[in-house]
Amino acid sequence: MTETSCKACVLCMKWGTPFSAHDVNMLFAAVRDHLPVDHDFICITDDTTGLDPAIKTHALSFPQLDQSEWVHGKWPKLLMFDRRIV
């Protein structure tokens, strides 16, 4: 039997204006400095401007819904289960 190693995934979400790229960069730095296991840091966002280039990003978009219908609800959080996020 072979031992497999798993990589942890730290996921955050940023859309609209409540949190800035600076906030995400600070979270990324804290996780990088204090999480001792191999991991990916992924930000699901509608705006990658100003994010540290080492942060993996995934586009936050729902082409089938008008933005006004998803920005304040549960829809963006469903992207956490998208298998294309790696």
N, C-alpha and C. Protein backbone atom coordinates (compact mmCIF):
# COMPACT_ATOMS: atom_id res chain seq x y z
N MET A 1 0.85 -1.18 0.00
CA MET A 1 0.00 0.00 0.00
C MET A 1 0.89 1.24 0.00
N THR A 2 0.60 2.17 -0.86
CA THR A 2 1.40 3.38 -0.97
C THR A 2 0.76 4.51 -0.20
N GLU A 3 1.60 5.28 0.46
CA GLU A 3 1.10 6.44 1.19
C GLU A 3 0.95 7.60 0.21
N THR A 4 -0.17 8.28 0.29
CA THR A 4 -0.38 9.45 -0.56
C THR A 4 -0.34 10.70 0.30
N SER A 5 0.15 11.75 -0.28
CA SER A 5 0.19 13.01 0.47
C SER A 5 -0.91 13.92 -0.05
N CYS A 6 -1.52 14.61 0.85
CA CYS A 6 -2.59 15.55 0.49
C CYS A 6 -2.07 16.96 0.68
N LYS A 7 -2.50 17.82 -0.18
CA LYS A 7 -2.14 19.22 -0.07
C LYS A 7 -3.35 19.97 0.46
N ALA A 8 -3.14 20.76 1.47
CA ALA A 8 -4.22 21.56 2.03
C ALA A 8 -4.56 22.71 1.07
N CYS A 9 -5.76 23.18 1.16
CA CYS A 9 -6.20 24.29 0.34
C CYS A 9 -6.84 25.33 1.25
N VAL A 10 -6.33 26.54 1.20
CA VAL A 10 -6.92 27.65 1.94
C VAL A 10 -7.61 28.52 0.90
N LEU A 11 -8.89 28.73 1.13
CA LEU A 11 -9.71 29.43 0.15
C LEU A 11 -10.31 30.68 0.78
N CYS A 12 -10.23 31.79 0.06
CA CYS A 12 -10.91 33.00 0.51
C CYS A 12 -11.70 33.56 -0.67
N MET A 13 -12.62 34.45 -0.33
CA MET A 13 -13.45 35.07 -1.37
C MET A 13 -13.41 36.58 -1.20
N LYS A 14 -13.34 37.27 -2.33
CA LYS A 14 -13.34 38.74 -2.31
C LYS A 14 -14.14 39.23 -3.50
N TRP A 15 -15.21 39.96 -3.20
CA TRP A 15 -15.94 40.63 -4.27
C TRP A 15 -16.52 41.92 -3.72
N GLY A 16 -16.76 42.85 -4.59
CA GLY A 16 -17.25 44.14 -4.15
C GLY A 16 -16.19 44.91 -3.39
N THR A 17 -16.63 45.75 -2.43
CA THR A 17 -15.68 46.62 -1.73
C THR A 17 -15.47 46.35 -0.25
N PRO A 18 -16.17 45.40 0.40
CA PRO A 18 -15.94 45.22 1.84
C PRO A 18 -14.49 44.88 2.19
N PHE A 19 -13.82 44.11 1.33
CA PHE A 19 -12.42 43.76 1.59
C PHE A 19 -11.59 44.14 0.38
N SER A 20 -10.36 44.57 0.65
CA SER A 20 -9.48 45.03 -0.43
C SER A 20 -8.43 43.97 -0.74
N ALA A 21 -7.68 44.22 -1.80
CA ALA A 21 -6.55 43.34 -2.14
C ALA A 21 -5.54 43.34 -0.99
N HIS A 22 -5.39 44.46 -0.32
CA HIS A 22 -4.47 44.53 0.82
C HIS A 22 -4.90 43.54 1.91
N ASP A 23 -6.19 43.45 2.17
CA ASP A 23 -6.69 42.50 3.18
C ASP A 23 -6.37 41.06 2.78
N VAL A 24 -6.60 40.72 1.52
CA VAL A 24 -6.31 39.36 1.05
C VAL A 24 -4.81 39.09 1.12
N ASN A 25 -3.99 40.07 0.73
CA ASN A 25 -2.54 39.88 0.79
C ASN A 25 -2.06 39.67 2.23
N MET A 26 -2.67 40.37 3.18
CA MET A 26 -2.30 40.18 4.59
C MET A 26 -2.70 38.78 5.07
N LEU A 27 -3.88 38.33 4.67
CA LEU A 27 -4.32 36.98 5.02
C LEU A 27 -3.39 35.94 4.41
N PHE A 28 -3.04 36.13 3.15
CA PHE A 28 -2.12 35.23 2.46
C PHE A 28 -0.78 35.15 3.20
N ALA A 29 -0.22 36.29 3.56
CA ALA A 29 1.07 36.32 4.26
C ALA A 29 0.98 35.62 5.61
N ALA A 30 -0.12 35.83 6.34
CA ALA A 30 -0.28 35.20 7.64
C ALA A 30 -0.38 33.68 7.50
N VAL A 31 -1.14 33.22 6.52
CA VAL A 31 -1.27 31.78 6.29
C VAL A 31 0.08 31.20 5.88
N ARG A 32 0.76 31.87 4.96
CA ARG A 32 2.07 31.39 4.49
C ARG A 32 3.06 31.29 5.65
N ASP A 33 3.04 32.28 6.54
CA ASP A 33 4.01 32.32 7.63
C ASP A 33 3.67 31.38 8.78
N HIS A 34 2.41 30.98 8.92
CA HIS A 34 2.02 30.23 10.11
C HIS A 34 1.41 28.85 9.86
N LEU A 35 1.12 28.51 8.61
CA LEU A 35 0.59 27.19 8.31
C LEU A 35 1.74 26.30 7.86
N PRO A 36 2.15 25.34 8.69
CA PRO A 36 3.36 24.58 8.40
C PRO A 36 3.18 23.44 7.38
N VAL A 37 1.98 23.22 6.88
CA VAL A 37 1.80 22.14 5.91
C VAL A 37 1.78 22.70 4.49
N ASP A 38 2.11 21.83 3.54
CA ASP A 38 2.07 22.22 2.14
C ASP A 38 0.64 22.60 1.77
N HIS A 39 0.46 23.76 1.15
CA HIS A 39 -0.89 24.22 0.85
C HIS A 39 -0.92 25.15 -0.34
N ASP A 40 -2.11 25.28 -0.90
CA ASP A 40 -2.39 26.28 -1.92
C ASP A 40 -3.27 27.34 -1.28
N PHE A 41 -3.06 28.59 -1.65
CA PHE A 41 -3.92 29.69 -1.20
C PHE A 41 -4.64 30.19 -2.44
N ILE A 42 -5.95 30.11 -2.43
CA ILE A 42 -6.75 30.47 -3.59
C ILE A 42 -7.76 31.54 -3.21
N CYS A 43 -7.87 32.55 -4.05
CA CYS A 43 -8.85 33.61 -3.84
C CYS A 43 -9.84 33.59 -5.00
N ILE A 44 -11.11 33.40 -4.67
CA ILE A 44 -12.17 33.51 -5.66
C ILE A 44 -12.59 34.98 -5.64
N THR A 45 -12.45 35.65 -6.78
CA THR A 45 -12.65 37.09 -6.79
C THR A 45 -13.15 37.59 -8.14
N ASP A 46 -13.76 38.75 -8.09
CA ASP A 46 -14.19 39.41 -9.33
C ASP A 46 -13.18 40.47 -9.77
N ASP A 47 -12.11 40.65 -8.97
CA ASP A 47 -11.09 41.67 -9.29
C ASP A 47 -9.75 41.25 -8.70
N THR A 48 -8.82 40.87 -9.53
CA THR A 48 -7.50 40.41 -9.07
C THR A 48 -6.50 41.55 -8.91
N THR A 49 -6.90 42.77 -9.20
CA THR A 49 -6.00 43.92 -9.12
C THR A 49 -5.38 44.03 -7.74
N GLY A 50 -4.05 44.10 -7.69
CA GLY A 50 -3.33 44.32 -6.44
C GLY A 50 -3.06 43.07 -5.62
N LEU A 51 -3.54 41.91 -6.07
CA LEU A 51 -3.27 40.68 -5.32
C LEU A 51 -1.84 40.22 -5.56
N ASP A 52 -1.23 39.66 -4.52
CA ASP A 52 0.11 39.10 -4.62
C ASP A 52 0.12 38.07 -5.75
N PRO A 53 1.12 38.10 -6.64
CA PRO A 53 1.15 37.15 -7.76
C PRO A 53 1.24 35.69 -7.32
N ALA A 54 1.64 35.42 -6.09
CA ALA A 54 1.73 34.04 -5.61
C ALA A 54 0.37 33.48 -5.21
N ILE A 55 -0.64 34.33 -5.14
CA ILE A 55 -1.99 33.87 -4.81
C ILE A 55 -2.63 33.30 -6.06
N LYS A 56 -3.12 32.07 -5.96
CA LYS A 56 -3.86 31.49 -7.08
C LYS A 56 -5.24 32.13 -7.06
N THR A 57 -5.77 32.41 -8.24
CA THR A 57 -7.08 33.05 -8.30
C THR A 57 -8.03 32.24 -9.16
N HIS A 58 -9.29 32.42 -8.90
CA HIS A 58 -10.35 31.81 -9.69
C HIS A 58 -11.41 32.89 -9.90
N ALA A 59 -11.86 33.02 -11.12
CA ALA A 59 -12.81 34.09 -11.45
C ALA A 59 -14.15 33.87 -10.76
N LEU A 60 -14.65 34.93 -10.20
CA LEU A 60 -15.97 34.94 -9.59
C LEU A 60 -16.93 35.52 -10.61
N SER A 61 -17.68 34.65 -11.24
CA SER A 61 -18.66 35.14 -12.21
C SER A 61 -19.78 34.13 -12.36
N PHE A 62 -20.92 34.63 -12.64
CA PHE A 62 -22.09 33.82 -12.92
C PHE A 62 -22.73 34.41 -14.17
N PRO A 63 -22.29 33.98 -15.35
CA PRO A 63 -22.81 34.58 -16.58
C PRO A 63 -24.32 34.39 -16.74
N GLN A 64 -24.88 33.39 -16.06
CA GLN A 64 -26.31 33.15 -16.21
C GLN A 64 -27.17 34.06 -15.32
N LEU A 65 -26.54 34.82 -14.41
CA LEU A 65 -27.28 35.73 -13.53
C LEU A 65 -26.74 37.14 -13.65
N ASP A 66 -27.61 38.12 -13.54
CA ASP A 66 -27.14 39.51 -13.46
C ASP A 66 -26.38 39.67 -12.15
N GLN A 67 -25.32 40.46 -12.16
CA GLN A 67 -24.48 40.63 -10.97
C GLN A 67 -25.30 41.09 -9.76
N SER A 68 -26.28 41.93 -9.97
CA SER A 68 -27.08 42.41 -8.84
C SER A 68 -27.82 41.28 -8.13
N GLU A 69 -27.99 40.14 -8.81
CA GLU A 69 -28.71 39.01 -8.22
C GLU A 69 -27.80 38.09 -7.42
N TRP A 70 -26.49 38.17 -7.63
CA TRP A 70 -25.62 37.25 -6.90
C TRP A 70 -24.68 37.90 -5.92
N VAL A 71 -24.45 39.18 -5.98
CA VAL A 71 -23.42 39.79 -5.14
C VAL A 71 -23.73 39.75 -3.65
N HIS A 72 -24.99 39.73 -3.26
CA HIS A 72 -25.32 39.77 -1.83
C HIS A 72 -25.86 38.44 -1.31
N GLY A 73 -25.77 37.41 -2.09
CA GLY A 73 -26.39 36.16 -1.67
C GLY A 73 -25.44 35.01 -1.55
N LYS A 74 -26.01 33.84 -1.62
CA LYS A 74 -25.24 32.61 -1.44
C LYS A 74 -24.55 32.15 -2.72
N TRP A 75 -24.91 32.68 -3.86
CA TRP A 75 -24.38 32.18 -5.12
C TRP A 75 -22.86 32.19 -5.22
N PRO A 76 -22.17 33.25 -4.84
CA PRO A 76 -20.70 33.22 -4.96
C PRO A 76 -20.07 32.08 -4.16
N LYS A 77 -20.62 31.76 -3.01
CA LYS A 77 -20.03 30.71 -2.18
C LYS A 77 -20.11 29.34 -2.82
N LEU A 78 -21.05 29.14 -3.73
CA LEU A 78 -21.15 27.86 -4.42
C LEU A 78 -19.91 27.55 -5.26
N LEU A 79 -19.19 28.59 -5.66
CA LEU A 79 -17.99 28.37 -6.47
C LEU A 79 -16.91 27.60 -5.69
N MET A 80 -17.00 27.56 -4.36
CA MET A 80 -16.02 26.81 -3.58
C MET A 80 -16.04 25.33 -3.93
N PHE A 81 -17.13 24.86 -4.50
CA PHE A 81 -17.28 23.44 -4.83
C PHE A 81 -16.97 23.15 -6.30
N ASP A 82 -16.49 24.14 -7.02
CA ASP A 82 -16.13 23.97 -8.42
C ASP A 82 -14.88 23.11 -8.52
N ARG A 83 -14.96 21.99 -9.17
CA ARG A 83 -13.82 21.05 -9.26
C ARG A 83 -12.66 21.62 -10.09
N ARG A 84 -12.90 22.69 -10.81
CA ARG A 84 -11.81 23.28 -11.60
C ARG A 84 -10.86 24.11 -10.74
N ILE A 85 -11.24 24.37 -9.50
CA ILE A 85 -10.36 25.11 -8.60
C ILE A 85 -9.34 24.14 -8.05
N VAL A 86 -8.09 24.39 -8.38
CA VAL A 86 -7.02 23.50 -7.91
C VAL A 86 -5.81 24.30 -7.52
